[in-house]
N, C-alpha and C. Protein backbone atom coordinates (compact mmCIF):
# COMPACT_ATOMS: atom_id res chain seq x y z
N MET A 1 103.30 103.07 96.76
CA MET A 1 102.06 103.81 96.69
C MET A 1 101.91 104.33 95.28
N PHE A 2 100.74 104.12 94.68
CA PHE A 2 100.47 104.58 93.33
C PHE A 2 99.14 105.33 93.30
N ASP A 3 99.04 106.33 92.42
CA ASP A 3 97.78 107.05 92.26
C ASP A 3 96.93 106.35 91.21
N ARG A 4 95.79 106.93 90.87
CA ARG A 4 94.88 106.31 89.91
C ARG A 4 95.46 106.16 88.51
N GLN A 5 96.45 106.97 88.19
CA GLN A 5 97.09 106.88 86.88
C GLN A 5 98.34 105.99 86.92
N ASP A 6 98.49 105.21 88.00
CA ASP A 6 99.61 104.29 88.19
C ASP A 6 100.96 105.00 88.25
N ASN A 7 100.97 106.24 88.73
CA ASN A 7 102.23 106.96 88.95
C ASN A 7 102.65 106.75 90.39
N ALA A 8 103.94 106.50 90.59
CA ALA A 8 104.45 106.31 91.96
C ALA A 8 104.27 107.60 92.77
N VAL A 9 103.84 107.46 94.02
CA VAL A 9 103.62 108.61 94.89
C VAL A 9 104.44 108.39 96.16
N PRO A 10 105.56 109.10 96.32
CA PRO A 10 106.39 108.92 97.52
C PRO A 10 105.80 109.62 98.74
N ILE A 11 106.19 109.15 99.90
CA ILE A 11 105.83 109.85 101.14
C ILE A 11 106.80 111.01 101.31
N ASN A 12 106.28 112.16 101.62
CA ASN A 12 107.10 113.36 101.77
C ASN A 12 107.85 113.31 103.10
N ARG A 13 109.11 112.96 103.05
CA ARG A 13 109.91 112.87 104.28
C ARG A 13 110.57 114.20 104.62
N VAL A 14 110.91 114.99 103.62
CA VAL A 14 111.55 116.28 103.85
C VAL A 14 110.84 117.30 102.96
N TRP A 15 110.33 118.36 103.55
CA TRP A 15 109.61 119.37 102.78
C TRP A 15 110.59 120.29 102.07
N ASP A 16 110.36 120.50 100.78
CA ASP A 16 111.18 121.40 99.98
C ASP A 16 110.25 122.15 99.04
N VAL A 17 110.16 123.47 99.19
CA VAL A 17 109.24 124.28 98.40
C VAL A 17 109.53 124.14 96.91
N ARG A 18 110.79 123.97 96.55
CA ARG A 18 111.16 123.87 95.13
C ARG A 18 110.80 122.52 94.53
N ASN A 19 110.53 121.54 95.35
CA ASN A 19 110.25 120.19 94.88
C ASN A 19 108.84 120.13 94.28
N GLN A 20 108.71 119.68 93.06
CA GLN A 20 107.42 119.61 92.39
C GLN A 20 106.81 118.20 92.43
N THR A 21 107.39 117.31 93.20
CA THR A 21 106.89 115.94 93.30
C THR A 21 105.55 115.91 94.01
N ARG A 22 104.64 115.06 93.54
CA ARG A 22 103.35 114.88 94.20
C ARG A 22 103.53 113.83 95.29
N PHE A 23 103.14 114.17 96.51
CA PHE A 23 103.35 113.28 97.64
C PHE A 23 102.03 112.69 98.14
N VAL A 24 102.14 111.66 98.97
CA VAL A 24 100.97 110.98 99.51
C VAL A 24 99.99 111.96 100.14
N GLU A 25 100.52 112.91 100.92
CA GLU A 25 99.63 113.82 101.62
C GLU A 25 98.91 114.79 100.68
N ASP A 26 99.30 114.81 99.40
CA ASP A 26 98.63 115.65 98.42
C ASP A 26 97.45 114.95 97.75
N ILE A 27 97.31 113.66 97.94
CA ILE A 27 96.22 112.91 97.31
C ILE A 27 94.93 113.19 98.06
N GLU A 28 93.90 113.59 97.34
CA GLU A 28 92.62 113.88 97.96
C GLU A 28 91.74 112.63 97.95
N MET A 29 91.15 112.33 99.08
CA MET A 29 90.26 111.18 99.19
C MET A 29 88.82 111.69 99.07
N SER A 30 87.99 110.95 98.37
CA SER A 30 86.60 111.37 98.20
C SER A 30 85.68 110.16 98.26
N ASN A 31 84.40 110.43 98.32
CA ASN A 31 83.36 109.39 98.29
C ASN A 31 83.52 108.35 99.39
N GLY A 32 83.99 108.74 100.55
CA GLY A 32 84.11 107.81 101.68
C GLY A 32 85.24 106.82 101.55
N ASN A 33 86.13 107.00 100.58
CA ASN A 33 87.28 106.11 100.43
C ASN A 33 88.29 106.37 101.53
N ARG A 34 89.08 105.38 101.82
CA ARG A 34 90.11 105.52 102.84
C ARG A 34 91.44 105.04 102.27
N MET A 35 92.47 105.82 102.48
CA MET A 35 93.80 105.43 102.04
C MET A 35 94.45 104.62 103.16
N ILE A 36 95.05 103.52 102.79
CA ILE A 36 95.73 102.67 103.75
C ILE A 36 97.22 102.72 103.43
N LEU A 37 98.02 103.10 104.40
CA LEU A 37 99.46 103.10 104.23
C LEU A 37 100.04 101.86 104.90
N TRP A 38 100.82 101.12 104.15
CA TRP A 38 101.52 99.97 104.69
C TRP A 38 102.95 100.40 104.95
N LYS A 39 103.34 100.46 106.18
CA LYS A 39 104.68 100.89 106.56
C LYS A 39 105.49 99.67 106.96
N ILE A 40 106.58 99.44 106.24
CA ILE A 40 107.42 98.28 106.50
C ILE A 40 108.66 98.72 107.27
N PHE A 41 108.90 98.08 108.39
CA PHE A 41 110.04 98.42 109.24
C PHE A 41 111.07 97.30 109.22
N ARG A 42 112.34 97.68 109.17
CA ARG A 42 113.44 96.72 109.25
C ARG A 42 113.53 96.18 110.68
N PRO A 43 114.16 95.04 110.86
CA PRO A 43 114.29 94.47 112.21
C PRO A 43 114.94 95.43 113.21
N GLN A 44 115.84 96.30 112.75
CA GLN A 44 116.52 97.24 113.65
C GLN A 44 115.57 98.27 114.24
N ALA A 45 114.37 98.39 113.69
CA ALA A 45 113.40 99.36 114.19
C ALA A 45 112.70 98.85 115.45
N TYR A 46 112.93 97.60 115.81
CA TYR A 46 112.25 96.98 116.95
C TYR A 46 113.20 96.76 118.11
N THR A 47 112.68 96.86 119.31
CA THR A 47 113.46 96.57 120.51
C THR A 47 113.48 95.06 120.73
N ALA A 48 114.20 94.63 121.75
CA ALA A 48 114.26 93.20 122.08
C ALA A 48 112.89 92.65 122.47
N GLU A 49 112.01 93.54 122.93
CA GLU A 49 110.66 93.13 123.31
C GLU A 49 109.67 93.21 122.16
N SER A 50 110.17 93.33 120.92
CA SER A 50 109.34 93.41 119.70
C SER A 50 108.46 94.65 119.65
N LYS A 51 108.89 95.72 120.29
CA LYS A 51 108.17 97.00 120.22
C LYS A 51 108.96 97.94 119.32
N LEU A 52 108.23 98.82 118.62
CA LEU A 52 108.92 99.79 117.77
C LEU A 52 109.71 100.78 118.61
N ARG A 53 110.86 101.17 118.12
CA ARG A 53 111.68 102.16 118.81
C ARG A 53 110.97 103.52 118.76
N ALA A 54 111.38 104.44 119.63
CA ALA A 54 110.71 105.72 119.81
C ALA A 54 110.60 106.54 118.53
N VAL A 55 111.66 106.60 117.75
CA VAL A 55 111.64 107.40 116.53
C VAL A 55 110.59 106.87 115.55
N ASP A 56 110.54 105.55 115.41
CA ASP A 56 109.57 104.94 114.50
C ASP A 56 108.14 105.08 115.03
N GLN A 57 107.97 104.98 116.34
CA GLN A 57 106.66 105.21 116.94
C GLN A 57 106.19 106.63 116.67
N MET A 58 107.12 107.58 116.75
CA MET A 58 106.78 108.97 116.51
C MET A 58 106.31 109.17 115.06
N GLU A 59 106.99 108.50 114.13
CA GLU A 59 106.59 108.58 112.73
C GLU A 59 105.18 108.03 112.54
N LEU A 60 104.88 106.89 113.16
CA LEU A 60 103.54 106.32 113.06
C LEU A 60 102.48 107.23 113.65
N ARG A 61 102.78 107.78 114.84
CA ARG A 61 101.82 108.69 115.48
C ARG A 61 101.58 109.93 114.63
N THR A 62 102.63 110.46 114.03
CA THR A 62 102.49 111.65 113.19
C THR A 62 101.60 111.35 111.99
N LEU A 63 101.85 110.24 111.31
CA LEU A 63 101.03 109.88 110.15
C LEU A 63 99.58 109.64 110.54
N LYS A 64 99.36 109.00 111.70
CA LYS A 64 98.00 108.77 112.16
C LYS A 64 97.30 110.09 112.50
N LYS A 65 98.03 111.00 113.12
CA LYS A 65 97.45 112.32 113.45
C LYS A 65 97.11 113.10 112.18
N MET A 66 97.84 112.83 111.10
CA MET A 66 97.55 113.48 109.82
C MET A 66 96.32 112.87 109.16
N GLY A 67 95.78 111.81 109.78
CA GLY A 67 94.54 111.21 109.28
C GLY A 67 94.71 109.97 108.43
N TYR A 68 95.91 109.42 108.38
CA TYR A 68 96.13 108.23 107.57
C TYR A 68 95.83 106.97 108.36
N PHE A 69 95.27 105.99 107.69
CA PHE A 69 95.04 104.68 108.26
C PHE A 69 96.31 103.89 107.98
N LEU A 70 97.02 103.50 109.02
CA LEU A 70 98.37 102.97 108.87
C LEU A 70 98.47 101.57 109.45
N ILE A 71 99.11 100.68 108.70
CA ILE A 71 99.36 99.33 109.17
C ILE A 71 100.86 99.07 109.05
N ASP A 72 101.48 98.69 110.18
CA ASP A 72 102.91 98.44 110.15
C ASP A 72 103.19 96.95 109.95
N VAL A 73 104.28 96.68 109.24
CA VAL A 73 104.68 95.31 108.94
C VAL A 73 106.17 95.16 109.25
N ASP A 74 106.51 94.11 109.95
CA ASP A 74 107.90 93.80 110.26
C ASP A 74 108.52 93.10 109.05
N LEU A 75 109.58 93.69 108.51
CA LEU A 75 110.23 93.14 107.31
C LEU A 75 110.74 91.72 107.53
N ALA A 76 111.25 91.43 108.72
CA ALA A 76 111.75 90.08 109.00
C ALA A 76 110.62 89.06 108.91
N THR A 77 109.47 89.40 109.46
CA THR A 77 108.30 88.51 109.37
C THR A 77 107.89 88.34 107.92
N TRP A 78 107.84 89.45 107.19
CA TRP A 78 107.45 89.43 105.77
C TRP A 78 108.39 88.52 104.97
N ASN A 79 109.68 88.62 105.21
CA ASN A 79 110.65 87.83 104.47
C ASN A 79 110.58 86.34 104.79
N ARG A 80 110.12 86.00 105.99
CA ARG A 80 109.99 84.59 106.36
C ARG A 80 108.77 83.93 105.72
N LEU A 81 107.82 84.74 105.26
CA LEU A 81 106.60 84.18 104.67
C LEU A 81 106.87 83.62 103.28
N ALA A 82 106.19 82.53 102.98
CA ALA A 82 106.23 82.01 101.62
C ALA A 82 105.46 82.99 100.72
N GLU A 83 105.84 83.05 99.48
CA GLU A 83 105.18 83.96 98.54
C GLU A 83 103.66 83.76 98.54
N SER A 84 103.23 82.52 98.64
CA SER A 84 101.79 82.22 98.61
C SER A 84 101.07 82.66 99.88
N ASP A 85 101.80 82.94 100.96
CA ASP A 85 101.18 83.34 102.23
C ASP A 85 101.12 84.85 102.43
N ARG A 86 101.76 85.61 101.57
CA ARG A 86 101.87 87.06 101.80
C ARG A 86 100.54 87.79 101.67
N ILE A 87 99.76 87.46 100.68
CA ILE A 87 98.46 88.13 100.53
C ILE A 87 97.56 87.80 101.71
N THR A 88 97.57 86.54 102.14
CA THR A 88 96.79 86.15 103.32
C THR A 88 97.24 86.92 104.55
N PHE A 89 98.55 87.08 104.72
CA PHE A 89 99.11 87.84 105.84
C PHE A 89 98.59 89.28 105.82
N LEU A 90 98.63 89.92 104.65
CA LEU A 90 98.16 91.31 104.53
C LEU A 90 96.67 91.40 104.82
N LYS A 91 95.90 90.44 104.34
CA LYS A 91 94.45 90.45 104.61
C LYS A 91 94.19 90.29 106.10
N MET A 92 94.97 89.43 106.76
CA MET A 92 94.79 89.25 108.20
C MET A 92 95.15 90.53 108.95
N LYS A 93 96.25 91.17 108.58
CA LYS A 93 96.63 92.44 109.23
C LYS A 93 95.55 93.48 109.01
N LEU A 94 95.05 93.57 107.80
CA LEU A 94 94.00 94.54 107.48
C LEU A 94 92.74 94.23 108.26
N GLY A 95 92.35 92.98 108.32
CA GLY A 95 91.16 92.58 109.05
C GLY A 95 91.27 92.90 110.53
N PHE A 96 92.43 92.67 111.12
CA PHE A 96 92.66 92.96 112.53
C PHE A 96 92.47 94.45 112.81
N TYR A 97 93.02 95.31 111.95
CA TYR A 97 92.91 96.75 112.17
C TYR A 97 91.51 97.28 111.88
N VAL A 98 90.83 96.68 110.90
CA VAL A 98 89.45 97.11 110.60
C VAL A 98 88.54 96.78 111.78
N VAL A 99 88.72 95.60 112.37
CA VAL A 99 87.93 95.21 113.54
C VAL A 99 88.18 96.19 114.68
N ARG A 100 89.43 96.63 114.87
CA ARG A 100 89.76 97.57 115.95
C ARG A 100 89.11 98.93 115.72
N LEU A 101 88.84 99.29 114.46
CA LEU A 101 88.22 100.58 114.18
C LEU A 101 86.76 100.62 114.58
N HIS A 102 86.10 99.48 114.56
CA HIS A 102 84.65 99.45 114.83
C HIS A 102 84.31 99.20 116.24
């Protein structure tokens, strides 16, 4: 995740008052723009039925409740893709979720 000045912006996983790092939740959205978070999960995050485990589901629900538009990606699937297919894959994932919003 990068801001408009191309500075890396980490997701705040642990709150620390002394920490001066700018986090994703500190970025203000304006003019009808929407921030899209791409969350990549390792294969261990999935059950045998290809569903996310409870802890990871809770993380997704929390981020969604905070108002973020979130798309999850399975790292194993991502790694199996040819380099030339990755952008198409992301566009398809994005298109699927945009259609679900309307």
